[in-house]
Amino acid sequence: MPAGYTGTLLVLGHGAGGDVDAVDLVAVRAAVLAAGAGVAMVTQPYRVAGARRPPASARQLDAAWLAVIAELRRRVAVDSLVVGGRSSGARVACRTAAEAGADRILALAFPLHPPGRPEVTRADELRTGVPTLVLNGDRDAFGVPEPQPLVLVEVLPGETHALSKAPQLLAQIAVAFVTTAGIAR
């Protein structure tokens, strides 16, 4: 929590094969903290247990995420809750946003489909009724979602699924969304 905490809390989750030290997550964390909002970086239970791949179902990942958010709300005064993450973490945030009472969603490298399988779309997971900002690279093998009502999509040129080439630009875009009212409902 930064000195002068504003009441906005960003809760970020990692991708399936990574951890909370991903370049994009670290850059967003630093920028959001500098703007006076709090940040909680959440490591999923399968990663805490040492597993390299997520053995848990979406239902189990979502339940763990919601338990963390409930505990954060118990410990921290939250006026505005922003949930998000990268890749798999973004999916968890989208699936649970309404139940968590989130005000906004920040989705980094949202995996629209498995690589090479565009017919297996996850676009429905973005239809949450909660204002959402998606930041994806134009070279993301997992695809790039299309904008839709309450979902803004920013495509970063030259970026892949890693979102590691211009982390400061990504963080600048993200912090503006996290620390404002986002998209009108």
Protein backbone atom coordinates (compact mmCIF):
# COMPACT_ATOMS: atom_id res chain seq x y z
CA MET A 1 0.00 0.00 0.00
CA PRO A 2 1.39 3.39 -0.88
CA ALA A 3 1.56 6.34 1.46
CA GLY A 4 -1.54 8.41 0.73
CA TYR A 5 -3.59 5.39 -0.40
CA THR A 6 -6.51 6.66 -2.50
CA GLY A 7 -8.97 3.85 -1.80
CA THR A 8 -8.47 2.19 -5.17
CA LEU A 9 -7.16 -1.37 -4.95
CA LEU A 10 -5.85 -3.28 -7.98
CA VAL A 11 -5.71 -7.06 -7.58
CA LEU A 12 -3.53 -8.76 -10.22
CA GLY A 13 -3.10 -12.44 -11.06
CA HIS A 14 -0.43 -14.12 -13.17
CA GLY A 15 -0.59 -16.28 -16.28
CA ALA A 16 -0.73 -20.07 -16.31
CA GLY A 17 2.97 -20.59 -17.00
CA GLY A 18 4.34 -17.58 -15.15
CA ASP A 19 4.32 -15.80 -11.84
CA VAL A 20 3.66 -12.32 -10.46
CA ASP A 21 7.15 -11.22 -11.53
CA ALA A 22 6.16 -11.01 -15.23
CA VAL A 23 7.49 -7.82 -16.83
CA ASP A 24 4.06 -6.37 -17.60
CA LEU A 25 2.66 -7.07 -14.12
CA VAL A 26 5.70 -5.53 -12.42
CA ALA A 27 5.49 -2.39 -14.59
CA VAL A 28 1.76 -1.96 -13.93
CA ARG A 29 2.29 -2.52 -10.20
CA ALA A 30 4.96 0.20 -10.01
CA ALA A 31 2.90 2.74 -11.96
CA VAL A 32 -0.29 2.12 -10.00
CA LEU A 33 1.50 2.37 -6.65
CA ALA A 34 3.13 5.64 -7.76
CA ALA A 35 -0.36 6.97 -8.53
CA GLY A 36 -1.51 6.26 -4.96
CA ALA A 37 -3.57 3.13 -5.49
CA GLY A 38 -2.90 -0.13 -3.68
CA VAL A 39 -1.83 -3.30 -5.47
CA ALA A 40 -2.18 -6.93 -4.44
CA MET A 41 -0.24 -9.45 -6.52
CA VAL A 42 -1.92 -12.84 -6.21
CA THR A 43 -0.10 -16.13 -6.71
CA GLN A 44 -2.51 -18.95 -7.51
CA PRO A 45 -2.50 -21.97 -5.16
CA TYR A 46 -1.08 -24.37 -7.79
CA ARG A 47 1.96 -22.09 -8.11
CA VAL A 48 2.34 -21.77 -4.34
CA ALA A 49 2.31 -25.59 -4.18
CA GLY A 50 5.15 -25.65 -6.73
CA ALA A 51 3.27 -27.00 -9.75
CA ARG A 52 4.54 -25.81 -13.14
CA ARG A 53 1.18 -26.13 -14.84
CA PRO A 54 -2.23 -25.33 -13.36
CA PRO A 55 -3.78 -28.66 -12.39
CA ALA A 56 -6.85 -26.97 -10.93
CA SER A 57 -10.09 -26.39 -12.78
CA ALA A 58 -11.38 -22.93 -13.58
CA ARG A 59 -13.88 -23.40 -10.75
CA GLN A 60 -11.06 -23.99 -8.24
CA LEU A 61 -8.97 -21.08 -9.56
CA ASP A 62 -11.99 -18.78 -9.37
CA ALA A 63 -12.86 -19.90 -5.82
CA ALA A 64 -9.30 -19.24 -4.62
CA TRP A 65 -9.33 -15.81 -6.29
CA LEU A 66 -12.63 -14.86 -4.66
CA ALA A 67 -11.34 -15.99 -1.26
CA VAL A 68 -8.29 -13.73 -1.65
CA ILE A 69 -10.47 -10.77 -2.63
CA ALA A 70 -12.76 -11.36 0.35
CA GLU A 71 -9.74 -11.38 2.67
CA LEU A 72 -8.34 -8.22 1.07
CA ARG A 73 -11.67 -6.45 1.55
CA ARG A 74 -11.59 -7.53 5.20
CA ARG A 75 -8.10 -6.07 5.68
CA VAL A 76 -8.17 -2.96 3.46
CA ALA A 77 -10.68 -0.15 3.01
CA VAL A 78 -11.62 -0.36 -0.67
CA ASP A 79 -13.61 2.37 -2.39
CA SER A 80 -12.87 1.11 -5.89
CA LEU A 81 -11.87 -2.46 -6.70
CA VAL A 82 -10.07 -3.17 -9.97
CA VAL A 83 -9.35 -6.82 -10.75
CA GLY A 84 -7.09 -8.11 -13.46
CA GLY A 85 -4.11 -10.04 -14.54
CA ARG A 86 -2.25 -11.39 -17.49
CA SER A 87 -3.48 -14.22 -19.72
CA SER A 88 -5.01 -16.91 -17.47
CA GLY A 89 -5.10 -14.38 -14.62
CA ALA A 90 -7.13 -12.04 -16.82
CA ARG A 91 -9.59 -14.86 -17.50
CA VAL A 92 -10.00 -15.54 -13.77
CA ALA A 93 -10.55 -11.82 -13.13
CA CYS A 94 -13.21 -11.64 -15.86
CA ARG A 95 -15.06 -14.75 -14.72
CA THR A 96 -15.24 -13.53 -11.10
CA ALA A 97 -15.56 -9.75 -11.51
CA ALA A 98 -19.29 -9.49 -10.89
CA GLU A 99 -19.23 -11.80 -7.85
CA ALA A 100 -16.20 -9.95 -6.46
CA GLY A 101 -17.98 -6.61 -6.80
CA ALA A 102 -15.28 -5.22 -9.09
CA ASP A 103 -15.63 -1.74 -10.53
CA ARG A 104 -13.25 -2.35 -13.44
CA ILE A 105 -11.19 -5.13 -15.05
CA LEU A 106 -7.66 -4.80 -16.43
CA ALA A 107 -6.92 -7.68 -18.81
CA LEU A 108 -3.32 -8.00 -20.01
CA ALA A 109 -2.63 -10.39 -22.91
CA PHE A 110 -6.17 -11.79 -22.78
CA PRO A 111 -5.93 -15.21 -24.48
CA LEU A 112 -8.82 -15.03 -26.95
CA HIS A 113 -8.12 -18.58 -28.15
CA PRO A 114 -5.45 -21.28 -27.86
CA PRO A 115 -2.61 -20.71 -30.39
CA GLY A 116 -3.63 -21.90 -33.85
CA ARG A 117 -7.23 -22.61 -32.78
CA PRO A 118 -9.26 -19.43 -33.40
CA GLU A 119 -12.47 -21.49 -33.51
CA VAL A 120 -12.16 -22.04 -29.71
CA THR A 121 -12.98 -18.49 -28.67
CA ARG A 122 -13.10 -17.14 -25.13
CA ALA A 123 -14.73 -13.84 -26.13
CA ASP A 124 -17.75 -14.58 -23.91
CA GLU A 125 -15.54 -14.29 -20.81
CA LEU A 126 -15.11 -10.58 -21.59
CA ARG A 127 -18.88 -9.99 -21.48
CA THR A 128 -19.01 -9.29 -17.76
CA GLY A 129 -21.06 -6.10 -17.54
CA VAL A 130 -18.02 -4.52 -15.85
CA PRO A 131 -15.92 -1.87 -17.65
CA THR A 132 -12.85 -3.63 -19.01
CA LEU A 133 -9.58 -2.57 -20.61
CA VAL A 134 -7.78 -5.23 -22.65
CA LEU A 135 -4.14 -4.64 -23.55
CA ASN A 136 -2.83 -7.10 -26.15
CA GLY A 137 0.05 -7.21 -28.59
CA ASP A 138 -0.64 -7.25 -32.31
CA ARG A 139 1.58 -10.36 -32.61
CA ASP A 140 -0.12 -12.36 -29.86
CA ALA A 141 -0.45 -16.02 -30.92
CA PHE A 142 -3.47 -16.28 -28.60
CA GLY A 143 -5.35 -13.69 -30.68
CA VAL A 144 -6.65 -10.21 -30.01
CA PRO A 145 -10.23 -9.63 -28.83
CA GLU A 146 -12.52 -7.21 -30.62
CA PRO A 147 -13.91 -4.21 -28.72
CA GLN A 148 -17.47 -4.68 -27.48
CA PRO A 149 -19.81 -2.80 -25.17
CA LEU A 150 -17.91 -1.91 -21.97
CA VAL A 151 -14.73 -3.51 -23.34
CA LEU A 152 -11.97 -1.28 -24.68
CA VAL A 153 -9.15 -3.02 -26.54
CA GLU A 154 -5.75 -1.37 -26.95
CA VAL A 155 -3.43 -3.17 -29.36
CA LEU A 156 0.27 -2.57 -28.81
CA PRO A 157 2.32 -2.73 -32.02
CA GLY A 158 5.18 -5.23 -32.10
CA GLU A 159 4.15 -6.92 -28.85
CA THR A 160 3.65 -10.65 -28.45
CA HIS A 161 1.76 -12.47 -25.70
CA ALA A 162 4.63 -11.62 -23.31
CA LEU A 163 3.93 -7.85 -23.45
CA SER A 164 7.58 -7.27 -22.59
CA LYS A 165 8.88 -4.85 -25.26
CA ALA A 166 7.33 -1.62 -23.98
CA PRO A 167 6.32 -2.21 -20.36
CA GLN A 168 6.37 1.50 -19.48
CA LEU A 169 3.90 2.33 -22.28
CA LEU A 170 1.66 -0.52 -21.18
CA ALA A 171 1.85 0.67 -17.57
CA GLN A 172 1.03 4.25 -18.58
CA ILE A 173 -2.13 3.11 -20.37
CA ALA A 174 -3.09 0.79 -17.52
CA VAL A 175 -2.61 3.31 -14.70
CA ALA A 176 -4.90 5.82 -16.40
CA PHE A 177 -7.66 3.20 -16.51
CA VAL A 178 -7.07 1.86 -12.99
CA THR A 179 -7.04 5.26 -11.29
CA THR A 180 -10.05 6.79 -13.07
CA ALA A 181 -13.67 5.78 -13.32
CA GLY A 182 -12.91 3.71 -16.43
CA ILE A 183 -15.66 3.26 -18.99
CA ALA A 184 -19.15 4.52 -18.24
CA ARG A 185 -21.57 1.66 -17.55
